[in-house]
């Protein structure tokens, strides 16, 4: 039920920059431009990793809260039979009265 398969996306495709392909021959281009563009890419990726770490932490905290709530609700539902429980207003829970209607 809980399958975790990696999803393919455009992020997995190599770009011209990651492949190292340039429009100018290596002899004519400057190494400074490559250093600059690689430095910018490095900074961008570091920022992306820090943002992902923050999102991972928030998601982990939410998951912990959900798991705690599920465990609490499982204990509550298995502890007592339904007919002895009180609802939020303090009244005992009763079965609903139903009637059939024809349209």
PDB file of N, CA and C in Angstrom:
ATOM      1  N   UNK A   1       0.818  -1.189   0.000  1.00  0.00           N
ATOM      2  CA  UNK A   1       0.000   0.000   0.000  1.00  0.00           C
ATOM      3  C   UNK A   1       0.864   1.256   0.000  1.00  0.00           C
ATOM      4  N   UNK A   2       1.973   1.230   0.672  1.00  0.00           N
ATOM      5  CA  UNK A   2       2.822   2.394   0.788  1.00  0.00           C
ATOM      6  C   UNK A   2       4.067   2.203  -0.062  1.00  0.00           C
ATOM      7  N   UNK A   3       3.897   2.300  -1.359  1.00  0.00           N
ATOM      8  CA  UNK A   3       5.039   2.077  -2.254  1.00  0.00           C
ATOM      9  C   UNK A   3       5.759   3.397  -2.480  1.00  0.00           C
ATOM     10  N   UNK A   4       7.056   3.371  -2.326  1.00  0.00           N
ATOM     11  CA  UNK A   4       7.861   4.576  -2.518  1.00  0.00           C
ATOM     12  C   UNK A   4       8.767   4.357  -3.720  1.00  0.00           C
ATOM     13  N   UNK A   5       8.247   4.705  -4.878  1.00  0.00           N
ATOM     14  CA  UNK A   5       9.045   4.593  -6.097  1.00  0.00           C
ATOM     15  C   UNK A   5       9.540   5.968  -6.482  1.00  0.00           C
ATOM     16  N   UNK A   6      10.769   6.058  -6.943  1.00  0.00           N
ATOM     17  CA  UNK A   6      11.241   7.371  -7.384  1.00  0.00           C
ATOM     18  C   UNK A   6      10.489   7.799  -8.643  1.00  0.00           C
ATOM     19  N   UNK A   7      10.080   9.046  -8.642  1.00  0.00           N
ATOM     20  CA  UNK A   7       9.365   9.562  -9.804  1.00  0.00           C
ATOM     21  C   UNK A   7      10.355  10.274 -10.712  1.00  0.00           C
ATOM     22  N   UNK A   8      10.242  10.015 -11.991  1.00  0.00           N
ATOM     23  CA  UNK A   8      11.122  10.677 -12.942  1.00  0.00           C
ATOM     24  C   UNK A   8      10.566  12.058 -13.256  1.00  0.00           C
ATOM     25  N   UNK A   9      11.449  12.998 -13.451  1.00  0.00           N
ATOM     26  CA  UNK A   9      11.030  14.358 -13.754  1.00  0.00           C
ATOM     27  C   UNK A   9      12.089  15.018 -14.633  1.00  0.00           C
ATOM     28  N   UNK A  10      11.869  16.258 -14.947  1.00  0.00           N
ATOM     29  CA  UNK A  10      12.823  17.000 -15.769  1.00  0.00           C
ATOM     30  C   UNK A  10      14.127  17.266 -15.030  1.00  0.00           C
ATOM     31  N   UNK A  11      14.097  17.184 -13.702  1.00  0.00           N
ATOM     32  CA  UNK A  11      15.316  17.431 -12.932  1.00  0.00           C
ATOM     33  C   UNK A  11      16.366  16.358 -13.169  1.00  0.00           C
ATOM     34  N   UNK A  12      15.966  15.170 -13.601  1.00  0.00           N
ATOM     35  CA  UNK A  12      16.905  14.089 -13.815  1.00  0.00           C
ATOM     36  C   UNK A  12      17.609  14.130 -15.159  1.00  0.00           C
ATOM     37  N   UNK A  13      17.160  14.996 -16.048  1.00  0.00           N
ATOM     38  CA  UNK A  13      17.741  15.070 -17.384  1.00  0.00           C
ATOM     39  C   UNK A  13      18.981  15.951 -17.353  1.00  0.00           C
ATOM     40  N   UNK A  14      20.050  15.501 -18.006  1.00  0.00           N
ATOM     41  CA  UNK A  14      21.271  16.296 -18.072  1.00  0.00           C
ATOM     42  C   UNK A  14      21.042  17.533 -18.929  1.00  0.00           C
ATOM     43  N   UNK A  15      21.566  18.637 -18.464  1.00  0.00           N
ATOM     44  CA  UNK A  15      21.479  19.862 -19.245  1.00  0.00           C
ATOM     45  C   UNK A  15      22.808  20.079 -19.972  1.00  0.00           C
ATOM     46  N   UNK A  16      22.847  21.082 -20.787  1.00  0.00           N
ATOM     47  CA  UNK A  16      24.079  21.395 -21.515  1.00  0.00           C
ATOM     48  C   UNK A  16      25.170  21.781 -20.519  1.00  0.00           C
ATOM     49  N   UNK A  17      24.773  22.478 -19.461  1.00  0.00           N
ATOM     50  CA  UNK A  17      25.757  22.915 -18.473  1.00  0.00           C
ATOM     51  C   UNK A  17      26.335  21.731 -17.713  1.00  0.00           C
ATOM     52  N   UNK A  18      25.500  20.766 -17.311  1.00  0.00           N
ATOM     53  CA  UNK A  18      26.019  19.623 -16.565  1.00  0.00           C
ATOM     54  C   UNK A  18      26.825  18.688 -17.459  1.00  0.00           C
ATOM     55  N   UNK A  19      26.513  18.681 -18.739  1.00  0.00           N
ATOM     56  CA  UNK A  19      27.275  17.842 -19.664  1.00  0.00           C
ATOM     57  C   UNK A  19      28.604  18.490 -20.059  1.00  0.00           C
ATOM     58  N   UNK A  20      28.742  19.813 -19.826  1.00  0.00           N
ATOM     59  CA  UNK A  20      29.991  20.506 -20.142  1.00  0.00           C
ATOM     60  C   UNK A  20      30.101  20.927 -21.586  1.00  0.00           C
ATOM     61  N   UNK A  21      28.992  21.045 -22.272  1.00  0.00           N
ATOM     62  CA  UNK A  21      29.003  21.428 -23.684  1.00  0.00           C
ATOM     63  C   UNK A  21      28.917  22.955 -23.780  1.00  0.00           C
ATOM     64  N   UNK A  22      29.764  23.552 -24.582  1.00  0.00           N
ATOM     65  CA  UNK A  22      29.755  24.994 -24.779  1.00  0.00           C
ATOM     66  C   UNK A  22      29.713  25.286 -26.274  1.00  0.00           C
ATOM     67  N   UNK A  23      29.217  26.479 -26.591  1.00  0.00           N
ATOM     68  CA  UNK A  23      29.125  26.894 -27.987  1.00  0.00           C
ATOM     69  C   UNK A  23      30.432  27.428 -28.529  1.00  0.00           C
ATOM     70  N   UNK A  24      31.332  27.815 -27.651  1.00  0.00           N
ATOM     71  CA  UNK A  24      32.617  28.382 -28.065  1.00  0.00           C
ATOM     72  C   UNK A  24      33.695  27.315 -27.892  1.00  0.00           C
ATOM     73  N   UNK A  25      34.607  27.196 -28.848  1.00  0.00           N
ATOM     74  CA  UNK A  25      35.700  26.234 -28.675  1.00  0.00           C
ATOM     75  C   UNK A  25      36.495  26.525 -27.408  1.00  0.00           C
ATOM     76  N   UNK A  26      37.065  25.490 -26.818  1.00  0.00           N
ATOM     77  CA  UNK A  26      37.760  25.606 -25.543  1.00  0.00           C
ATOM     78  C   UNK A  26      38.938  26.574 -25.615  1.00  0.00           C
ATOM     79  N   UNK A  27      39.563  26.659 -26.735  1.00  0.00           N
ATOM     80  CA  UNK A  27      40.729  27.534 -26.895  1.00  0.00           C
ATOM     81  C   UNK A  27      40.310  28.994 -26.774  1.00  0.00           C
ATOM     82  N   UNK A  28      39.141  29.353 -27.302  1.00  0.00           N
ATOM     83  CA  UNK A  28      38.716  30.747 -27.338  1.00  0.00           C
ATOM     84  C   UNK A  28      37.986  31.203 -26.081  1.00  0.00           C
ATOM     85  N   UNK A  29      37.464  30.306 -25.290  1.00  0.00           N
ATOM     86  CA  UNK A  29      36.669  30.733 -24.139  1.00  0.00           C
ATOM     87  C   UNK A  29      37.549  30.917 -22.905  1.00  0.00           C
ATOM     88  N   UNK A  30      37.023  31.684 -21.989  1.00  0.00           N
ATOM     89  CA  UNK A  30      37.754  31.990 -20.770  1.00  0.00           C
ATOM     90  C   UNK A  30      37.364  31.016 -19.662  1.00  0.00           C
ATOM     91  N   UNK A  31      38.336  30.621 -18.881  1.00  0.00           N
ATOM     92  CA  UNK A  31      38.063  29.741 -17.750  1.00  0.00           C
ATOM     93  C   UNK A  31      37.330  30.470 -16.631  1.00  0.00           C
ATOM     94  N   UNK A  32      37.460  31.814 -16.626  1.00  0.00           N
ATOM     95  CA  UNK A  32      36.794  32.596 -15.591  1.00  0.00           C
ATOM     96  C   UNK A  32      35.276  32.523 -15.707  1.00  0.00           C
ATOM     97  N   UNK A  33      34.796  32.520 -16.942  1.00  0.00           N
ATOM     98  CA  UNK A  33      33.350  32.419 -17.133  1.00  0.00           C
ATOM     99  C   UNK A  33      32.834  31.075 -16.630  1.00  0.00           C
ATOM    100  N   UNK A  34      33.569  30.008 -16.913  1.00  0.00           N
ATOM    101  CA  UNK A  34      33.176  28.689 -16.408  1.00  0.00           C
ATOM    102  C   UNK A  34      33.199  28.656 -14.882  1.00  0.00           C
ATOM    103  N   UNK A  35      34.226  29.256 -14.283  1.00  0.00           N
ATOM    104  CA  UNK A  35      34.291  29.314 -12.819  1.00  0.00           C
ATOM    105  C   UNK A  35      33.115  30.086 -12.245  1.00  0.00           C
ATOM    106  N   UNK A  36      32.755  31.181 -12.899  1.00  0.00           N
ATOM    107  CA  UNK A  36      31.634  31.987 -12.431  1.00  0.00           C
ATOM    108  C   UNK A  36      30.327  31.221 -12.526  1.00  0.00           C
ATOM    109  N   UNK A  37      30.068  30.606 -13.669  1.00  0.00           N
ATOM    110  CA  UNK A  37      28.800  29.886 -13.841  1.00  0.00           C
ATOM    111  C   UNK A  37      28.732  28.672 -12.916  1.00  0.00           C
ATOM    112  N   UNK A  38      29.842  27.984 -12.732  1.00  0.00           N
ATOM    113  CA  UNK A  38      29.844  26.839 -11.815  1.00  0.00           C
ATOM    114  C   UNK A  38      29.670  27.293 -10.365  1.00  0.00           C
ATOM    115  N   UNK A  39      30.237  28.426 -10.016  1.00  0.00           N
ATOM    116  CA  UNK A  39      30.043  28.974  -8.667  1.00  0.00           C
ATOM    117  C   UNK A  39      28.596  29.336  -8.410  1.00  0.00           C
ATOM    118  N   UNK A  40      27.946  29.928  -9.402  1.00  0.00           N
ATOM    119  CA  UNK A  40      26.521  30.267  -9.268  1.00  0.00           C
ATOM    120  C   UNK A  40      25.670  29.003  -9.145  1.00  0.00           C
ATOM    121  N   UNK A  41      25.988  27.998  -9.932  1.00  0.00           N
ATOM    122  CA  UNK A  41      25.253  26.733  -9.870  1.00  0.00           C
ATOM    123  C   UNK A  41      25.450  26.072  -8.517  1.00  0.00           C
ATOM    124  N   UNK A  42      26.662  26.136  -7.986  1.00  0.00           N
ATOM    125  CA  UNK A  42      26.957  25.569  -6.664  1.00  0.00           C
ATOM    126  C   UNK A  42      26.135  26.279  -5.596  1.00  0.00           C
ATOM    127  N   UNK A  43      26.088  27.608  -5.628  1.00  0.00           N
ATOM    128  CA  UNK A  43      25.299  28.370  -4.659  1.00  0.00           C
ATOM    129  C   UNK A  43      23.810  28.033  -4.765  1.00  0.00           C
ATOM    130  N   UNK A  44      23.304  27.915  -5.997  1.00  0.00           N
ATOM    131  CA  UNK A  44      21.894  27.589  -6.195  1.00  0.00           C
ATOM    132  C   UNK A  44      21.567  26.223  -5.609  1.00  0.00           C
ATOM    133  N   UNK A  45      22.441  25.257  -5.863  1.00  0.00           N
ATOM    134  CA  UNK A  45      22.200  23.901  -5.358  1.00  0.00           C
ATOM    135  C   UNK A  45      22.296  23.835  -3.841  1.00  0.00           C
ATOM    136  N   UNK A  46      23.214  24.594  -3.241  1.00  0.00           N
ATOM    137  CA  UNK A  46      23.305  24.638  -1.779  1.00  0.00           C
ATOM    138  C   UNK A  46      22.033  25.233  -1.174  1.00  0.00           C
ATOM    139  N   UNK A  47      21.502  26.296  -1.796  1.00  0.00           N
ATOM    140  CA  UNK A  47      20.252  26.887  -1.327  1.00  0.00           C
ATOM    141  C   UNK A  47      19.091  25.903  -1.465  1.00  0.00           C
ATOM    142  N   UNK A  48      19.071  25.172  -2.552  1.00  0.00           N
ATOM    143  CA  UNK A  48      18.013  24.192  -2.767  1.00  0.00           C
ATOM    144  C   UNK A  48      18.085  23.075  -1.730  1.00  0.00           C
ATOM    145  N   UNK A  49      19.293  22.630  -1.403  1.00  0.00           N
ATOM    146  CA  UNK A  49      19.451  21.580  -0.396  1.00  0.00           C
ATOM    147  C   UNK A  49      18.991  22.078   0.973  1.00  0.00           C
ATOM    148  N   UNK A  50      19.314  23.317   1.327  1.00  0.00           N
ATOM    149  CA  UNK A  50      18.871  23.830   2.628  1.00  0.00           C
ATOM    150  C   UNK A  50      17.357  23.967   2.671  1.00  0.00           C
ATOM    151  N   UNK A  51      16.750  24.384   1.562  1.00  0.00           N
ATOM    152  CA  UNK A  51      15.285  24.475   1.520  1.00  0.00           C
ATOM    153  C   UNK A  51      14.658  23.088   1.638  1.00  0.00           C
ATOM    154  N   UNK A  52      15.247  22.099   0.990  1.00  0.00           N
ATOM    155  CA  UNK A  52      14.733  20.737   1.086  1.00  0.00           C
ATOM    156  C   UNK A  52      14.880  20.181   2.505  1.00  0.00           C
ATOM    157  N   UNK A  53      15.974  20.522   3.175  1.00  0.00           N
ATOM    158  CA  UNK A  53      16.158  20.090   4.560  1.00  0.00           C
ATOM    159  C   UNK A  53      15.069  20.677   5.466  1.00  0.00           C
ATOM    160  N   UNK A  54      14.744  21.949   5.248  1.00  0.00           N
ATOM    161  CA  UNK A  54      13.670  22.577   6.035  1.00  0.00           C
ATOM    162  C   UNK A  54      12.340  21.891   5.767  1.00  0.00           C
ATOM    163  N   UNK A  55      12.048  21.622   4.506  1.00  0.00           N
ATOM    164  CA  UNK A  55      10.795  20.954   4.158  1.00  0.00           C
ATOM    165  C   UNK A  55      10.745  19.543   4.735  1.00  0.00           C
ATOM    166  N   UNK A  56      11.886  18.843   4.708  1.00  0.00           N
ATOM    167  CA  UNK A  56      11.956  17.491   5.262  1.00  0.00           C
ATOM    168  C   UNK A  56      11.685  17.523   6.766  1.00  0.00           C
ATOM    169  N   UNK A  57      12.262  18.505   7.470  1.00  0.00           N
ATOM    170  CA  UNK A  57      12.029  18.629   8.907  1.00  0.00           C
ATOM    171  C   UNK A  57      10.576  18.905   9.231  1.00  0.00           C
ATOM    172  N   UNK A  58       9.962  19.803   8.469  1.00  0.00           N
ATOM    173  CA  UNK A  58       8.549  20.119   8.696  1.00  0.00           C
ATOM    174  C   UNK A  58       7.667  18.911   8.404  1.00  0.00           C
ATOM    175  N   UNK A  59       7.977  18.189   7.338  1.00  0.00           N
ATOM    176  CA  UNK A  59       7.191  17.003   6.988  1.00  0.00           C
ATOM    177  C   UNK A  59       7.362  15.914   8.044  1.00  0.00           C
ATOM    178  N   UNK A  60       8.566  15.762   8.575  1.00  0.00           N
ATOM    179  CA  UNK A  60       8.797  14.760   9.619  1.00  0.00           C
ATOM    180  C   UNK A  60       8.028  15.109  10.885  1.00  0.00           C
ATOM    181  N   UNK A  61       7.987  16.393  11.235  1.00  0.00           N
ATOM    182  CA  UNK A  61       7.227  16.815  12.414  1.00  0.00           C
ATOM    183  C   UNK A  61       5.736  16.557  12.222  1.00  0.00           C
ATOM    184  N   UNK A  62       5.216  16.854  11.033  1.00  0.00           N
ATOM    185  CA  UNK A  62       3.803  16.597  10.760  1.00  0.00           C
ATOM    186  C   UNK A  62       3.506  15.108  10.795  1.00  0.00           C
ATOM    187  N   UNK A  63       4.410  14.308  10.262  1.00  0.00           N
ATOM    188  CA  UNK A  63       4.225  12.861  10.281  1.00  0.00           C
ATOM    189  C   UNK A  63       4.207  12.340  11.709  1.00  0.00           C
ATOM    190  N   UNK A  64       5.090  12.841  12.557  1.00  0.00           N
ATOM    191  CA  UNK A  64       5.092  12.428  13.962  1.00  0.00           C
ATOM    192  C   UNK A  64       3.768  12.763  14.637  1.00  0.00           C
ATOM    193  N   UNK A  65       3.236  13.974  14.352  1.00  0.00           N
ATOM    194  CA  UNK A  65       1.952  14.357  14.938  1.00  0.00           C
ATOM    195  C   UNK A  65       0.826  13.443  14.467  1.00  0.00           C
ATOM    196  N   UNK A  66       0.835  13.098  13.196  1.00  0.00           N
ATOM    197  CA  UNK A  66      -0.202  12.224  12.654  1.00  0.00           C
ATOM    198  C   UNK A  66      -0.114  10.840  13.273  1.00  0.00           C
ATOM    199  N   UNK A  67       1.097  10.313  13.404  1.00  0.00           N
ATOM    200  CA  UNK A  67       1.273   8.985  13.986  1.00  0.00           C
ATOM    201  C   UNK A  67       0.808   8.974  15.442  1.00  0.00           C
ATOM    202  N   UNK A  68       1.152  10.018  16.198  1.00  0.00           N
ATOM    203  CA  UNK A  68       0.702  10.098  17.590  1.00  0.00           C
ATOM    204  C   UNK A  68      -0.817  10.148  17.674  1.00  0.00           C
ATOM    205  N   UNK A  69      -1.424  10.919  16.798  1.00  0.00           N
ATOM    206  CA  UNK A  69      -2.889  11.040  16.800  1.00  0.00           C
ATOM    207  C   UNK A  69      -3.550   9.714  16.427  1.00  0.00           C
ATOM    208  N   UNK A  70      -2.977   9.004  15.460  1.00  0.00           N
ATOM    209  CA  UNK A  70      -3.527   7.699  15.054  1.00  0.00           C
ATOM    210  C   UNK A  70      -3.456   6.721  16.217  1.00  0.00           C
ATOM    211  N   UNK A  71      -2.319   6.694  16.906  1.00  0.00           N
ATOM    212  CA  UNK A  71      -2.169   5.785  18.047  1.00  0.00           C
ATOM    213  C   UNK A  71      -3.163   6.142  19.139  1.00  0.00           C
ATOM    214  N   UNK A  72      -3.328   7.428  19.397  1.00  0.00           N
ATOM    215  CA  UNK A  72      -4.273   7.872  20.418  1.00  0.00           C
ATOM    216  C   UNK A  72      -5.702   7.477  20.057  1.00  0.00           C
ATOM    217  N   UNK A  73      -6.084   7.683  18.799  1.00  0.00           N
ATOM    218  CA  UNK A  73      -7.439   7.336  18.374  1.00  0.00           C
ATOM    219  C   UNK A  73      -7.659   5.824  18.389  1.00  0.00           C
ATOM    220  N   UNK A  74      -6.634   5.051  18.057  1.00  0.00           N
ATOM    221  CA  UNK A  74      -6.767   3.597  18.117  1.00  0.00           C
ATOM    222  C   UNK A  74      -6.977   3.128  19.549  1.00  0.00           C
ATOM    223  N   UNK A  75      -6.265   3.738  20.487  1.00  0.00           N
ATOM    224  CA  UNK A  75      -6.460   3.385  21.891  1.00  0.00           C
ATOM    225  C   UNK A  75      -7.861   3.750  22.360  1.00  0.00           C
ATOM    226  N   UNK A  76      -8.333   4.932  21.958  1.00  0.00           N
ATOM    227  CA  UNK A  76      -9.666   5.380  22.368  1.00  0.00           C
ATOM    228  C   UNK A  76     -10.757   4.482  21.808  1.00  0.00           C
ATOM    229  N   UNK A  77     -10.622   4.094  20.544  1.00  0.00           N
ATOM    230  CA  UNK A  77     -11.680   3.302  19.929  1.00  0.00           C
ATOM    231  C   UNK A  77     -11.679   1.866  20.414  1.00  0.00           C
ATOM    232  N   UNK A  78     -10.531   1.349  20.800  1.00  0.00           N
ATOM    233  CA  UNK A  78     -10.494  -0.037  21.245  1.00  0.00           C
ATOM    234  C   UNK A  78     -10.699  -0.164  22.752  1.00  0.00           C
ATOM    235  N   UNK A  79     -10.655   0.944  23.507  1.00  0.00           N
ATOM    236  CA  UNK A  79     -10.741   0.883  24.961  1.00  0.00           C
ATOM    237  C   UNK A  79     -12.147   0.579  25.465  1.00  0.00           C
ATOM    238  N   UNK A  80     -13.159   1.237  24.920  1.00  0.00           N
ATOM    239  CA  UNK A  80     -14.531   1.089  25.421  1.00  0.00           C
ATOM    240  C   UNK A  80     -15.487   0.770  24.283  1.00  0.00           C
ATOM    241  N   UNK A  81     -16.559   0.078  24.599  1.00  0.00           N
ATOM    242  CA  UNK A  81     -17.592  -0.124  23.581  1.00  0.00           C
ATOM    243  C   UNK A  81     -18.273   1.203  23.254  1.00  0.00           C
ATOM    244  N   UNK A  82     -18.884   1.271  22.101  1.00  0.00           N
ATOM    245  CA  UNK A  82     -19.483   2.514  21.612  1.00  0.00           C
ATOM    246  C   UNK A  82     -20.666   2.942  22.461  1.00  0.00           C
ATOM    247  N   UNK A  83     -21.467   2.019  22.992  1.00  0.00           N
ATOM    248  CA  UNK A  83     -22.688   2.413  23.692  1.00  0.00           C
ATOM    249  C   UNK A  83     -22.411   3.101  25.024  1.00  0.00           C
ATOM    250  N   UNK A  84     -21.242   2.937  25.617  1.00  0.00           N
ATOM    251  CA  UNK A  84     -20.930   3.580  26.883  1.00  0.00           C
ATOM    252  C   UNK A  84     -20.200   4.909  26.710  1.00  0.00           C
ATOM    253  N   UNK A  85     -19.820   5.247  25.514  1.00  0.00           N
ATOM    254  CA  UNK A  85     -19.071   6.475  25.279  1.00  0.00           C
ATOM    255  C   UNK A  85     -20.000   7.676  25.276  1.00  0.00           C
ATOM    256  N   UNK A  86     -19.453   8.812  25.663  1.00  0.00           N
ATOM    257  CA  UNK A  86     -20.188  10.068  25.600  1.00  0.00           C
ATOM    258  C   UNK A  86     -19.660  10.872  24.425  1.00  0.00           C
ATOM    259  N   UNK A  87     -20.557  11.641  23.818  1.00  0.00           N
ATOM    260  CA  UNK A  87     -20.105  12.484  22.716  1.00  0.00           C
ATOM    261  C   UNK A  87     -19.492  13.766  23.265  1.00  0.00           C
ATOM    262  N   UNK A  88     -19.184  14.707  22.406  1.00  0.00           N
ATOM    263  CA  UNK A  88     -18.492  15.927  22.811  1.00  0.00           C
ATOM    264  C   UNK A  88     -19.321  16.781  23.764  1.00  0.00           C
ATOM    265  N   UNK A  89     -20.652  16.648  23.755  1.00  0.00           N
ATOM    266  CA  UNK A  89     -21.518  17.450  24.610  1.00  0.00           C
ATOM    267  C   UNK A  89     -21.836  16.761  25.932  1.00  0.00           C
ATOM    268  N   UNK A  90     -21.302  15.589  26.170  1.00  0.00           N
ATOM    269  CA  UNK A  90     -21.513  14.892  27.421  1.00  0.00           C
ATOM    270  C   UNK A  90     -22.666  13.913  27.400  1.00  0.00           C
ATOM    271  N   UNK A  91     -23.437  13.867  26.336  1.00  0.00           N
ATOM    272  CA  UNK A  91     -24.560  12.938  26.240  1.00  0.00           C
ATOM    273  C   UNK A  91     -24.050  11.589  25.762  1.00  0.00           C
ATOM    274  N   UNK A  92     -24.735  10.534  26.154  1.00  0.00           N
ATOM    275  CA  UNK A  92     -24.331   9.201  25.712  1.00  0.00           C
ATOM    276  C   UNK A  92     -24.614   9.053  24.223  1.00  0.00           C
ATOM    277  N   UNK A  93     -23.721   8.367  23.546  1.00  0.00           N
ATOM    278  CA  UNK A  93     -23.889   8.154  22.113  1.00  0.00           C
ATOM    279  C   UNK A  93     -25.047   7.191  21.880  1.00  0.00           C
ATOM    280  N   UNK A  94     -25.930   7.545  20.986  1.00  0.00           N
ATOM    281  CA  UNK A  94     -27.078   6.707  20.664  1.00  0.00           C
ATOM    282  C   UNK A  94     -27.030   6.384  19.182  1.00  0.00           C
ATOM    283  N   UNK A  95     -27.677   5.312  18.840  1.00  0.00           N
ATOM    284  CA  UNK A  95     -27.759   5.001  17.426  1.00  0.00           C
ATOM    285  C   UNK A  95     -28.731   5.976  16.771  1.00  0.00           C
ATOM    286  N   UNK A  96     -28.477   6.294  15.536  1.00  0.00           N
ATOM    287  CA  UNK A  96     -29.314   7.245  14.816  1.00  0.00           C
ATOM    288  C   UNK A  96     -30.639   6.599  14.418  1.00  0.00           C
ATOM    289  N   UNK A  97     -31.690   7.378  14.529  1.00  0.00           N
ATOM    290  CA  UNK A  97     -32.982   6.896  14.071  1.00  0.00           C
ATOM    291  C   UNK A  97     -33.071   7.236  12.573  1.00  0.00           C
ATOM    292  N   UNK A  98     -33.461   6.252  11.795  1.00  0.00           N
ATOM    293  CA  UNK A  98     -33.550   6.469  10.373  1.00  0.00           C
ATOM    294  C   UNK A  98     -34.940   6.180   9.881  1.00  0.00           C
ATOM    295  N   UNK A  99     -35.268   6.767   8.759  1.00  0.00           N
ATOM    296  CA  UNK A  99     -36.533   6.468   8.116  1.00  0.00           C
ATOM    297  C   UNK A  99     -36.326   6.545   6.622  1.00  0.00           C
ATOM    298  N   UNK A 100     -37.101   5.776   5.897  1.00  0.00           N
ATOM    299  CA  UNK A 100     -36.943   5.771   4.449  1.00  0.00           C
ATOM    300  C   UNK A 100     -37.783   6.867   3.840  1.00  0.00           C
ATOM    301  N   UNK A 101     -37.262   7.421   2.749  1.00  0.00           N
ATOM    302  CA  UNK A 101     -37.989   8.476   2.030  1.00  0.00           C
ATOM    303  C   UNK A 101     -38.032   8.104   0.568  1.00  0.00           C
ATOM    304  N   UNK A 102     -39.166   8.356  -0.043  1.00  0.00           N
ATOM    305  CA  UNK A 102     -39.315   8.113  -1.465  1.00  0.00           C
ATOM    306  C   UNK A 102     -39.313   9.449  -2.188  1.00  0.00           C
ATOM    307  N   UNK A 103     -38.575   9.506  -3.268  1.00  0.00           N
ATOM    308  CA  UNK A 103     -38.500  10.744  -4.051  1.00  0.00           C
ATOM    309  C   UNK A 103     -39.397  10.677  -5.245  1.00  0.00           C
TER     310      UNK A 103
END
